[in-house]
Amino acid sequence: MGVPKRSHVYGPVWSRRLGRSLGIDLIPYKICSYDCVYCQLGRTTRKTVQRREYVPLGEVLDDLRRRLAAGPTPDFVSLAGSGEPTLHAGLGELIAALKRRTTVPVAVLTNGSLLARPGVRRELARADLVLPSLDAGDARMFRRVNRPHPSLRFRDVVEGLAEFVAGFGGAVWLEVFLLAGWTTAPDQVRRLAELARRVGPARVQLNTVARPPAEQRAAAVPHAELVRLARQFDGPVDLLVDRPAAAPRGKTAGDLAAVLELLGRRPCTIAGMAAGLGLHPNDALKRVEALRQAGRVRAVRRGARTFYEAVH
């Protein structure tokens, strides 16, 4: 079976934070302002802070219309994908168009690196939910973990986060990504907790490595330690641990193209694919095996679990 051209819309995927999330990919693989050691998509191939229309908005909206019609109905439409979404110069226009076309709430997952720019803050203000990240307690660790574009300063990133939260009418859930032996040191956790308090999000969400990272030295924090570290942050605090996937409902979007689009943006287990796309696990496995035999997908072991990812 042939696979159609790559869509700008993928999923729905089962998200630990958003439930069934229909993703919109505004940036080609893998253009980002960071090159995080833990990134599930691998190393950044083009590090930039230049904003421009990386993909045509008309194509994005056409893809979205088709995918919403195909079902299943998502819990969120999420701007995320293969790179940093705030790099797209049409971000605000797209969010406004989404709000006109669907009642499904719009979420934006961002590394927060461009929030020091007033224009970016104004565009993001149209979303319902924004999920930025803060992965380091100081500039030195920022350079080690996020490996940012050389023009980005840690102080500006933190100030941009705080200014955005102060002026935003929706909800902000701040992800703090912890790495064993890196940001679990007492001074780092203390500084991260202080910075999170200063930013003032509605929720703090502690995360750690769950999928194959860009660098093998990026190690997961054990669950018991996450529970202990969570006590240092002001609440509410969530632990982004894997939870049981929702049972499939409604129509499915689980053809080969949809599976490949999903795995091109994030590695998934069979259970994750099945829950997101509304497939029976056996059907998800059949589709993955067809793509694997065609050389489009490969299996990657992470501990006791097997993830599947697209071959770029």
C-alpha atoms as a PDB file:
ATOM      1  CA  MET A   1       0.000   0.000   0.000  1.00  0.00           C
ATOM      2  CA  GLY A   2       1.259   3.470  -0.876  1.00  0.00           C
ATOM      3  CA  VAL A   3       1.533   6.245   1.698  1.00  0.00           C
ATOM      4  CA  PRO A   4       0.197   9.706   0.702  1.00  0.00           C
ATOM      5  CA  LYS A   5       2.226  12.878   1.143  1.00  0.00           C
ATOM      6  CA  ARG A   6       3.018  13.879   4.690  1.00  0.00           C
ATOM      7  CA  SER A   7       0.233  15.801   6.394  1.00  0.00           C
ATOM      8  CA  HIS A   8       0.725  18.760   8.716  1.00  0.00           C
ATOM      9  CA  VAL A   9      -1.830  17.191  11.099  1.00  0.00           C
ATOM     10  CA  TYR A  10      -1.166  13.944  12.963  1.00  0.00           C
ATOM     11  CA  GLY A  11      -2.881  11.704  15.477  1.00  0.00           C
ATOM     12  CA  PRO A  12      -4.873  11.905  17.590  1.00  0.00           C
ATOM     13  CA  VAL A  13      -2.157  10.719  19.929  1.00  0.00           C
ATOM     14  CA  TRP A  14      -2.726   9.736  23.542  1.00  0.00           C
ATOM     15  CA  SER A  15      -1.066  12.468  25.618  1.00  0.00           C
ATOM     16  CA  ARG A  16      -0.258  12.137  29.317  1.00  0.00           C
ATOM     17  CA  ARG A  17      -1.313  15.775  29.772  1.00  0.00           C
ATOM     18  CA  LEU A  18      -4.032  16.404  27.214  1.00  0.00           C
ATOM     19  CA  GLY A  19      -5.823  13.119  26.711  1.00  0.00           C
ATOM     20  CA  ARG A  20      -6.585  12.500  23.021  1.00  0.00           C
ATOM     21  CA  SER A  21      -4.586  15.230  21.292  1.00  0.00           C
ATOM     22  CA  LEU A  22      -4.769  16.060  17.568  1.00  0.00           C
ATOM     23  CA  GLY A  23      -1.388  17.503  16.675  1.00  0.00           C
ATOM     24  CA  ILE A  24      -0.536  20.265  14.217  1.00  0.00           C
ATOM     25  CA  ASP A  25       3.057  20.368  13.010  1.00  0.00           C
ATOM     26  CA  LEU A  26       4.064  23.893  11.947  1.00  0.00           C
ATOM     27  CA  ILE A  27       7.815  23.344  11.641  1.00  0.00           C
ATOM     28  CA  PRO A  28       9.732  20.883   9.429  1.00  0.00           C
ATOM     29  CA  TYR A  29      11.828  18.214  11.147  1.00  0.00           C
ATOM     30  CA  LYS A  30      13.912  19.201  13.120  1.00  0.00           C
ATOM     31  CA  ILE A  31      14.080  22.982  13.241  1.00  0.00           C
ATOM     32  CA  CYS A  32      14.221  24.370  16.770  1.00  0.00           C
ATOM     33  CA  SER A  33      15.716  27.079  18.944  1.00  0.00           C
ATOM     34  CA  TYR A  34      17.047  24.373  21.290  1.00  0.00           C
ATOM     35  CA  ASP A  35      18.896  21.069  20.901  1.00  0.00           C
ATOM     36  CA  CYS A  36      17.787  19.373  24.124  1.00  0.00           C
ATOM     37  CA  VAL A  37      19.736  16.329  25.280  1.00  0.00           C
ATOM     38  CA  TYR A  38      16.487  14.543  26.173  1.00  0.00           C
ATOM     39  CA  CYS A  39      14.486  15.247  22.992  1.00  0.00           C
ATOM     40  CA  GLN A  40      12.532  12.228  21.785  1.00  0.00           C
ATOM     41  CA  LEU A  41      12.950  13.382  18.166  1.00  0.00           C
ATOM     42  CA  GLY A  42      16.744  13.306  18.213  1.00  0.00           C
ATOM     43  CA  ARG A  43      19.273  16.040  17.502  1.00  0.00           C
ATOM     44  CA  THR A  44      18.243  19.414  16.093  1.00  0.00           C
ATOM     45  CA  THR A  45      19.268  19.685  12.439  1.00  0.00           C
ATOM     46  CA  ARG A  46      18.758  23.454  12.161  1.00  0.00           C
ATOM     47  CA  LYS A  47      19.040  25.638  15.246  1.00  0.00           C
ATOM     48  CA  THR A  48      17.430  29.044  14.680  1.00  0.00           C
ATOM     49  CA  VAL A  49      15.398  31.842  16.255  1.00  0.00           C
ATOM     50  CA  GLN A  50      14.202  33.173  12.883  1.00  0.00           C
ATOM     51  CA  ARG A  51      10.421  33.324  12.583  1.00  0.00           C
ATOM     52  CA  ARG A  52       8.885  32.749   9.159  1.00  0.00           C
ATOM     53  CA  GLU A  53       6.094  30.778   7.485  1.00  0.00           C
ATOM     54  CA  TYR A  54       7.764  27.384   7.466  1.00  0.00           C
ATOM     55  CA  VAL A  55       4.634  25.631   6.143  1.00  0.00           C
ATOM     56  CA  PRO A  56       1.633  27.242   4.349  1.00  0.00           C
ATOM     57  CA  LEU A  57      -1.282  27.934   6.687  1.00  0.00           C
ATOM     58  CA  GLY A  58      -3.798  27.088   3.963  1.00  0.00           C
ATOM     59  CA  GLU A  59      -2.405  23.552   3.749  1.00  0.00           C
ATOM     60  CA  VAL A  60      -2.498  23.213   7.530  1.00  0.00           C
ATOM     61  CA  LEU A  61      -6.165  24.224   7.713  1.00  0.00           C
ATOM     62  CA  ASP A  62      -7.107  21.884   4.830  1.00  0.00           C
ATOM     63  CA  ASP A  63      -5.382  18.991   6.581  1.00  0.00           C
ATOM     64  CA  LEU A  64      -7.143  19.872   9.840  1.00  0.00           C
ATOM     65  CA  ARG A  65     -10.572  19.973   8.219  1.00  0.00           C
ATOM     66  CA  ARG A  66     -10.063  16.502   6.727  1.00  0.00           C
ATOM     67  CA  ARG A  67      -8.737  15.014   9.943  1.00  0.00           C
ATOM     68  CA  LEU A  68     -11.526  16.418  12.120  1.00  0.00           C
ATOM     69  CA  ALA A  69     -14.068  14.999   9.673  1.00  0.00           C
ATOM     70  CA  ALA A  70     -12.359  11.581   9.808  1.00  0.00           C
ATOM     71  CA  GLY A  71     -12.495  11.453  13.632  1.00  0.00           C
ATOM     72  CA  PRO A  72     -12.186  10.505  16.401  1.00  0.00           C
ATOM     73  CA  THR A  73     -12.992  13.816  18.105  1.00  0.00           C
ATOM     74  CA  PRO A  74      -9.941  14.992  20.060  1.00  0.00           C
ATOM     75  CA  ASP A  75      -9.859  16.536  23.514  1.00  0.00           C
ATOM     76  CA  PHE A  76      -7.429  19.209  22.264  1.00  0.00           C
ATOM     77  CA  VAL A  77      -5.991  20.522  19.033  1.00  0.00           C
ATOM     78  CA  SER A  78      -2.318  20.886  19.909  1.00  0.00           C
ATOM     79  CA  LEU A  79       0.362  22.916  18.182  1.00  0.00           C
ATOM     80  CA  ALA A  80       3.505  20.862  18.707  1.00  0.00           C
ATOM     81  CA  GLY A  81       5.273  18.387  16.429  1.00  0.00           C
ATOM     82  CA  SER A  82       8.732  18.287  14.866  1.00  0.00           C
ATOM     83  CA  GLY A  83      10.114  21.659  15.995  1.00  0.00           C
ATOM     84  CA  GLU A  84       9.381  24.774  18.060  1.00  0.00           C
ATOM     85  CA  PRO A  85       5.900  26.045  16.988  1.00  0.00           C
ATOM     86  CA  THR A  86       6.476  29.690  17.971  1.00  0.00           C
ATOM     87  CA  LEU A  87       9.058  29.902  15.162  1.00  0.00           C
ATOM     88  CA  HIS A  88       6.151  29.994  12.705  1.00  0.00           C
ATOM     89  CA  ALA A  89       5.362  33.611  11.831  1.00  0.00           C
ATOM     90  CA  GLY A  90       1.677  32.805  11.280  1.00  0.00           C
ATOM     91  CA  LEU A  91       1.100  31.315  14.726  1.00  0.00           C
ATOM     92  CA  GLY A  92      -1.423  33.928  15.862  1.00  0.00           C
ATOM     93  CA  GLU A  93      -3.303  33.819  12.576  1.00  0.00           C
ATOM     94  CA  LEU A  94      -3.525  30.034  12.780  1.00  0.00           C
ATOM     95  CA  ILE A  95      -4.822  30.022  16.356  1.00  0.00           C
ATOM     96  CA  ALA A  96      -7.487  32.582  15.397  1.00  0.00           C
ATOM     97  CA  ALA A  97      -8.511  30.434  12.412  1.00  0.00           C
ATOM     98  CA  LEU A  98      -8.713  27.326  14.606  1.00  0.00           C
ATOM     99  CA  LYS A  99     -10.980  29.138  17.049  1.00  0.00           C
ATOM    100  CA  ARG A 100     -13.336  30.016  14.167  1.00  0.00           C
ATOM    101  CA  ARG A 101     -13.409  26.486  12.765  1.00  0.00           C
ATOM    102  CA  THR A 102     -13.750  24.245  15.804  1.00  0.00           C
ATOM    103  CA  THR A 103     -14.945  24.312  19.393  1.00  0.00           C
ATOM    104  CA  VAL A 104     -12.141  21.940  20.411  1.00  0.00           C
ATOM    105  CA  PRO A 105      -9.788  23.867  22.745  1.00  0.00           C
ATOM    106  CA  VAL A 106      -6.390  24.888  21.362  1.00  0.00           C
ATOM    107  CA  ALA A 107      -3.195  24.052  23.247  1.00  0.00           C
ATOM    108  CA  VAL A 108       0.340  25.135  22.371  1.00  0.00           C
ATOM    109  CA  LEU A 109       3.369  23.140  23.531  1.00  0.00           C
ATOM    110  CA  THR A 110       6.427  25.405  23.459  1.00  0.00           C
ATOM    111  CA  ASN A 111       9.918  25.498  24.892  1.00  0.00           C
ATOM    112  CA  GLY A 112       9.188  29.115  25.846  1.00  0.00           C
ATOM    113  CA  SER A 113      12.402  30.404  24.282  1.00  0.00           C
ATOM    114  CA  LEU A 114      10.737  33.225  22.303  1.00  0.00           C
ATOM    115  CA  LEU A 115       8.338  34.493  24.983  1.00  0.00           C
ATOM    116  CA  ALA A 116      10.642  37.437  25.667  1.00  0.00           C
ATOM    117  CA  ARG A 117       9.276  38.850  22.395  1.00  0.00           C
ATOM    118  CA  PRO A 118       6.045  40.845  22.910  1.00  0.00           C
ATOM    119  CA  GLY A 119       4.712  39.820  19.490  1.00  0.00           C
ATOM    120  CA  VAL A 120       5.013  36.131  20.308  1.00  0.00           C
ATOM    121  CA  ARG A 121       3.240  36.671  23.630  1.00  0.00           C
ATOM    122  CA  ARG A 122       0.379  38.473  21.861  1.00  0.00           C
ATOM    123  CA  GLU A 123      -0.043  35.642  19.342  1.00  0.00           C
ATOM    124  CA  LEU A 124      -0.012  32.932  22.005  1.00  0.00           C
ATOM    125  CA  ALA A 125      -2.591  34.848  24.037  1.00  0.00           C
ATOM    126  CA  ARG A 126      -5.289  33.580  21.651  1.00  0.00           C
ATOM    127  CA  ALA A 127      -4.814  29.943  22.769  1.00  0.00           C
ATOM    128  CA  ASP A 128      -6.810  28.222  25.521  1.00  0.00           C
ATOM    129  CA  LEU A 129      -3.866  26.451  27.124  1.00  0.00           C
ATOM    130  CA  VAL A 130      -0.112  27.016  26.833  1.00  0.00           C
ATOM    131  CA  LEU A 131       2.411  24.432  28.024  1.00  0.00           C
ATOM    132  CA  PRO A 132       5.915  25.925  28.159  1.00  0.00           C
ATOM    133  CA  SER A 133       8.982  24.253  29.615  1.00  0.00           C
ATOM    134  CA  LEU A 134      11.703  25.205  32.070  1.00  0.00           C
ATOM    135  CA  ASP A 135      14.455  22.603  32.371  1.00  0.00           C
ATOM    136  CA  ALA A 136      17.290  24.315  34.246  1.00  0.00           C
ATOM    137  CA  GLY A 137      17.818  26.367  37.365  1.00  0.00           C
ATOM    138  CA  ASP A 138      20.606  28.553  36.007  1.00  0.00           C
ATOM    139  CA  ALA A 139      22.348  29.656  32.805  1.00  0.00           C
ATOM    140  CA  ARG A 140      25.070  27.003  33.027  1.00  0.00           C
ATOM    141  CA  MET A 141      22.600  24.120  33.232  1.00  0.00           C
ATOM    142  CA  PHE A 142      20.447  25.788  30.557  1.00  0.00           C
ATOM    143  CA  ARG A 143      23.396  25.541  28.155  1.00  0.00           C
ATOM    144  CA  ARG A 144      24.074  21.907  29.131  1.00  0.00           C
ATOM    145  CA  VAL A 145      20.501  20.591  28.954  1.00  0.00           C
ATOM    146  CA  ASN A 146      18.784  22.733  26.313  1.00  0.00           C
ATOM    147  CA  ARG A 147      21.824  23.657  24.201  1.00  0.00           C
ATOM    148  CA  PRO A 148      20.053  26.833  23.033  1.00  0.00           C
ATOM    149  CA  HIS A 149      20.671  29.070  20.033  1.00  0.00           C
ATOM    150  CA  PRO A 150      23.605  31.326  20.998  1.00  0.00           C
ATOM    151  CA  SER A 151      21.414  34.453  20.938  1.00  0.00           C
ATOM    152  CA  LEU A 152      19.169  33.169  23.741  1.00  0.00           C
ATOM    153  CA  ARG A 153      19.857  34.188  27.331  1.00  0.00           C
ATOM    154  CA  PHE A 154      18.486  32.242  30.270  1.00  0.00           C
ATOM    155  CA  ARG A 155      17.436  35.368  32.137  1.00  0.00           C
ATOM    156  CA  ASP A 156      15.393  36.575  29.152  1.00  0.00           C
ATOM    157  CA  VAL A 157      13.661  33.203  28.798  1.00  0.00           C
ATOM    158  CA  VAL A 158      12.585  33.225  32.456  1.00  0.00           C
ATOM    159  CA  GLU A 159      11.422  36.857  32.264  1.00  0.00           C
ATOM    160  CA  GLY A 160       9.459  36.094  29.105  1.00  0.00           C
ATOM    161  CA  LEU A 161       7.711  33.191  30.819  1.00  0.00           C
ATOM    162  CA  ALA A 162       6.772  35.339  33.806  1.00  0.00           C
ATOM    163  CA  GLU A 163       5.494  38.201  31.620  1.00  0.00           C
ATOM    164  CA  PHE A 164       3.405  35.841  29.529  1.00  0.00           C
ATOM    165  CA  VAL A 165       1.769  34.185  32.527  1.00  0.00           C
ATOM    166  CA  ALA A 166       1.002  37.563  34.093  1.00  0.00           C
ATOM    167  CA  GLY A 167      -0.877  38.769  31.007  1.00  0.00           C
ATOM    168  CA  PHE A 168      -2.487  35.541  29.756  1.00  0.00           C
ATOM    169  CA  GLY A 169      -6.213  34.926  30.190  1.00  0.00           C
ATOM    170  CA  GLY A 170      -6.023  31.155  29.729  1.00  0.00           C
ATOM    171  CA  ALA A 171      -4.167  28.455  31.669  1.00  0.00           C
ATOM    172  CA  VAL A 172      -0.415  27.851  31.726  1.00  0.00           C
ATOM    173  CA  TRP A 173       0.958  24.468  32.759  1.00  0.00           C
ATOM    174  CA  LEU A 174       4.729  24.684  33.237  1.00  0.00           C
ATOM    175  CA  GLU A 175       6.658  21.516  32.426  1.00  0.00           C
ATOM    176  CA  VAL A 176       9.859  20.994  34.400  1.00  0.00           C
ATOM    177  CA  PHE A 177      11.876  18.216  32.770  1.00  0.00           C
ATOM    178  CA  LEU A 178      14.201  16.569  35.290  1.00  0.00           C
ATOM    179  CA  LEU A 179      17.269  14.512  34.398  1.00  0.00           C
ATOM    180  CA  ALA A 180      18.937  12.154  36.861  1.00  0.00           C
ATOM    181  CA  GLY A 181      22.362  13.438  37.878  1.00  0.00           C
ATOM    182  CA  TRP A 182      21.826  16.740  36.074  1.00  0.00           C
ATOM    183  CA  THR A 183      18.886  18.720  37.415  1.00  0.00           C
ATOM    184  CA  THR A 184      18.123  16.568  40.463  1.00  0.00           C
ATOM    185  CA  ALA A 185      20.998  18.080  42.439  1.00  0.00           C
ATOM    186  CA  PRO A 186      19.637  19.961  45.484  1.00  0.00           C
ATOM    187  CA  ASP A 187      20.750  23.385  44.250  1.00  0.00           C
ATOM    188  CA  GLN A 188      19.148  22.846  40.854  1.00  0.00           C
ATOM    189  CA  VAL A 189      15.828  21.657  42.303  1.00  0.00           C
ATOM    190  CA  ARG A 190      15.773  24.570  44.727  1.00  0.00           C
ATOM    191  CA  ARG A 191      16.417  27.076  41.937  1.00  0.00           C
ATOM    192  CA  LEU A 192      13.873  25.452  39.646  1.00  0.00           C
ATOM    193  CA  ALA A 193      11.244  25.600  42.390  1.00  0.00           C
ATOM    194  CA  GLU A 194      12.044  29.272  43.011  1.00  0.00           C
ATOM    195  CA  LEU A 195      11.813  30.102  39.312  1.00  0.00           C
ATOM    196  CA  ALA A 196       8.540  28.193  38.935  1.00  0.00           C
ATOM    197  CA  ARG A 197       7.154  30.168  41.875  1.00  0.00           C
ATOM    198  CA  ARG A 198       8.246  33.391  40.186  1.00  0.00           C
ATOM    199  CA  VAL A 199       6.676  32.426  36.843  1.00  0.00           C
ATOM    200  CA  GLY A 200       3.391  31.548  38.575  1.00  0.00           C
ATOM    201  CA  PRO A 201       1.749  28.923  36.324  1.00  0.00           C
ATOM    202  CA  ALA A 202      -1.611  27.316  37.093  1.00  0.00           C
ATOM    203  CA  ARG A 203       0.151  23.946  37.388  1.00  0.00           C
ATOM    204  CA  VAL A 204       3.703  22.640  37.560  1.00  0.00           C
ATOM    205  CA  GLN A 205       4.206  19.347  35.748  1.00  0.00           C
ATOM    206  CA  LEU A 206       7.325  17.320  36.519  1.00  0.00           C
ATOM    207  CA  ASN A 207       8.519  15.136  33.690  1.00  0.00           C
ATOM    208  CA  THR A 208      11.481  12.897  32.964  1.00  0.00           C
ATOM    209  CA  VAL A 209      12.784  10.623  30.217  1.00  0.00           C
ATOM    210  CA  ALA A 210      10.149   8.143  29.048  1.00  0.00           C
ATOM    211  CA  ARG A 211      11.018   7.747  25.348  1.00  0.00           C
ATOM    212  CA  PRO A 212      14.382   7.211  23.650  1.00  0.00           C
ATOM    213  CA  PRO A 213      16.281  10.521  24.073  1.00  0.00           C
ATOM    214  CA  ALA A 214      18.646  12.358  21.732  1.00  0.00           C
ATOM    215  CA  GLU A 215      21.567  11.521  24.051  1.00  0.00           C
ATOM    216  CA  GLN A 216      21.829   8.234  25.909  1.00  0.00           C
ATOM    217  CA  ARG A 217      23.368  10.054  28.891  1.00  0.00           C
ATOM    218  CA  ALA A 218      19.986  11.738  29.471  1.00  0.00           C
ATOM    219  CA  ALA A 219      18.673   9.434  32.204  1.00  0.00           C
ATOM    220  CA  ALA A 220      15.225   9.148  33.775  1.00  0.00           C
ATOM    221  CA  VAL A 221      14.489  10.058  37.383  1.00  0.00           C
ATOM    222  CA  PRO A 222      12.936   7.163  39.339  1.00  0.00           C
ATOM    223  CA  HIS A 223       9.301   7.649  40.265  1.00  0.00           C
ATOM    224  CA  ALA A 224       9.943   7.626  44.010  1.00  0.00           C
ATOM    225  CA  GLU A 225      12.460  10.451  43.613  1.00  0.00           C
ATOM    226  CA  LEU A 226      10.018  12.458  41.479  1.00  0.00           C
ATOM    227  CA  VAL A 227       7.462  12.156  44.275  1.00  0.00           C
ATOM    228  CA  ARG A 228      10.027  13.445  46.768  1.00  0.00           C
ATOM    229  CA  LEU A 229      11.166  16.325  44.543  1.00  0.00           C
ATOM    230  CA  ALA A 230       7.585  17.365  43.841  1.00  0.00           C
ATOM    231  CA  ARG A 231       7.226  18.449  47.483  1.00  0.00           C
ATOM    232  CA  GLN A 232       9.634  21.332  46.839  1.00  0.00           C
ATOM    233  CA  PHE A 233       7.346  22.950  44.259  1.00  0.00           C
ATOM    234  CA  ASP A 234       4.264  25.007  45.013  1.00  0.00           C
ATOM    235  CA  GLY A 235       1.088  23.200  44.035  1.00  0.00           C
ATOM    236  CA  PRO A 236      -0.729  21.966  42.227  1.00  0.00           C
ATOM    237  CA  VAL A 237       2.062  19.697  40.972  1.00  0.00           C
ATOM    238  CA  ASP A 238       1.525  16.841  38.521  1.00  0.00           C
ATOM    239  CA  LEU A 239       3.846  13.910  37.822  1.00  0.00           C
ATOM    240  CA  LEU A 240       3.763  13.122  34.128  1.00  0.00           C
ATOM    241  CA  VAL A 241       3.879   9.373  34.504  1.00  0.00           C
ATOM    242  CA  ASP A 242       2.308   6.997  32.029  1.00  0.00           C
ATOM    243  CA  ARG A 243      -1.347   6.327  32.732  1.00  0.00           C
ATOM    244  CA  PRO A 244      -3.777   3.824  31.223  1.00  0.00           C
ATOM    245  CA  ALA A 245      -4.913   4.824  27.756  1.00  0.00           C
ATOM    246  CA  ALA A 246      -8.544   5.595  27.096  1.00  0.00           C
ATOM    247  CA  ALA A 247     -10.604   3.031  25.261  1.00  0.00           C
ATOM    248  CA  PRO A 248     -11.078   3.819  21.557  1.00  0.00           C
ATOM    249  CA  ARG A 249     -14.289   5.622  20.756  1.00  0.00           C
ATOM    250  CA  GLY A 250     -16.001   6.775  17.590  1.00  0.00           C
ATOM    251  CA  LYS A 251     -14.406   6.665  14.164  1.00  0.00           C
ATOM    252  CA  THR A 252     -10.733   5.868  13.736  1.00  0.00           C
ATOM    253  CA  ALA A 253      -7.989   7.614  11.811  1.00  0.00           C
ATOM    254  CA  GLY A 254      -5.688   4.611  11.808  1.00  0.00           C
ATOM    255  CA  ASP A 255      -4.646   4.064   8.180  1.00  0.00           C
ATOM    256  CA  LEU A 256      -0.974   3.691   7.278  1.00  0.00           C
ATOM    257  CA  ALA A 257      -0.554   7.396   6.564  1.00  0.00           C
ATOM    258  CA  ALA A 258      -1.984   8.381   9.957  1.00  0.00           C
ATOM    259  CA  VAL A 259       0.288   5.915  11.773  1.00  0.00           C
ATOM    260  CA  LEU A 260       3.361   7.141   9.896  1.00  0.00           C
ATOM    261  CA  GLU A 261       2.478  10.793  10.525  1.00  0.00           C
ATOM    262  CA  LEU A 262       2.122  10.071  14.232  1.00  0.00           C
ATOM    263  CA  LEU A 263       5.408   8.167  14.507  1.00  0.00           C
ATOM    264  CA  GLY A 264       7.183  10.892  12.553  1.00  0.00           C
ATOM    265  CA  ARG A 265       6.433  13.333  15.370  1.00  0.00           C
ATOM    266  CA  ARG A 266       6.853  11.165  18.450  1.00  0.00           C
ATOM    267  CA  PRO A 267       7.884   7.580  19.245  1.00  0.00           C
ATOM    268  CA  CYS A 268       4.949   5.517  20.498  1.00  0.00           C
ATOM    269  CA  THR A 269       4.219   2.104  21.918  1.00  0.00           C
ATOM    270  CA  ILE A 270       1.538  -0.060  20.336  1.00  0.00           C
ATOM    271  CA  ALA A 271      -0.798   0.814  23.223  1.00  0.00           C
ATOM    272  CA  GLY A 272      -0.185   4.541  22.719  1.00  0.00           C
ATOM    273  CA  MET A 273      -0.887   4.326  18.994  1.00  0.00           C
ATOM    274  CA  ALA A 274      -4.035   2.306  19.567  1.00  0.00           C
ATOM    275  CA  ALA A 275      -5.417   4.735  22.147  1.00  0.00           C
ATOM    276  CA  GLY A 276      -4.614   7.844  20.159  1.00  0.00           C
ATOM    277  CA  LEU A 277      -5.873   6.650  16.782  1.00  0.00           C
ATOM    278  CA  GLY A 278      -8.851   4.694  18.086  1.00  0.00           C
ATOM    279  CA  LEU A 279      -7.502   1.311  16.953  1.00  0.00           C
ATOM    280  CA  HIS A 280      -7.527  -2.132  18.476  1.00  0.00           C
ATOM    281  CA  PRO A 281      -3.936  -2.932  19.558  1.00  0.00           C
ATOM    282  CA  ASN A 282      -3.786  -5.833  17.088  1.00  0.00           C
ATOM    283  CA  ASP A 283      -4.714  -3.493  14.232  1.00  0.00           C
ATOM    284  CA  ALA A 284      -2.092  -0.979  15.356  1.00  0.00           C
ATOM    285  CA  LEU A 285       0.519  -3.743  15.393  1.00  0.00           C
ATOM    286  CA  LYS A 286      -0.424  -4.857  11.870  1.00  0.00           C
ATOM    287  CA  ARG A 287      -0.021  -1.343  10.511  1.00  0.00           C
ATOM    288  CA  VAL A 288       3.312  -0.832  12.271  1.00  0.00           C
ATOM    289  CA  GLU A 289       4.625  -4.141  10.990  1.00  0.00           C
ATOM    290  CA  ALA A 290       3.672  -3.213   7.409  1.00  0.00           C
ATOM    291  CA  LEU A 291       5.544   0.070   7.757  1.00  0.00           C
ATOM    292  CA  ARG A 292       8.514  -1.612   9.432  1.00  0.00           C
ATOM    293  CA  GLN A 293       8.844  -4.170   6.635  1.00  0.00           C
ATOM    294  CA  ALA A 294       8.734  -1.313   4.124  1.00  0.00           C
ATOM    295  CA  GLY A 295      11.622   0.364   5.938  1.00  0.00           C
ATOM    296  CA  ARG A 296       9.539   3.357   7.050  1.00  0.00           C
ATOM    297  CA  VAL A 297       9.475   2.568  10.785  1.00  0.00           C
ATOM    298  CA  ARG A 298      11.916   1.026  13.263  1.00  0.00           C
ATOM    299  CA  ALA A 299      11.584  -0.407  16.769  1.00  0.00           C
ATOM    300  CA  VAL A 300      13.565   1.066  19.685  1.00  0.00           C
ATOM    301  CA  ARG A 301      13.791  -0.534  23.129  1.00  0.00           C
ATOM    302  CA  ARG A 302      13.530   1.653  26.223  1.00  0.00           C
ATOM    303  CA  GLY A 303      13.814  -0.475  29.335  1.00  0.00           C
ATOM    304  CA  ALA A 304      11.076  -3.096  29.200  1.00  0.00           C
ATOM    305  CA  ARG A 305       9.044  -1.253  26.542  1.00  0.00           C
ATOM    306  CA  THR A 306       9.276  -1.125  22.759  1.00  0.00           C
ATOM    307  CA  PHE A 307       8.697   2.181  20.994  1.00  0.00           C
ATOM    308  CA  TYR A 308       8.252   2.671  17.269  1.00  0.00           C
ATOM    309  CA  GLU A 309       9.554   5.712  15.406  1.00  0.00           C
ATOM    310  CA  ALA A 310       9.579   6.843  11.784  1.00  0.00           C
ATOM    311  CA  VAL A 311      12.795   6.566   9.800  1.00  0.00           C
ATOM    312  CA  HIS A 312      13.577  10.095   8.622  1.00  0.00           C
END
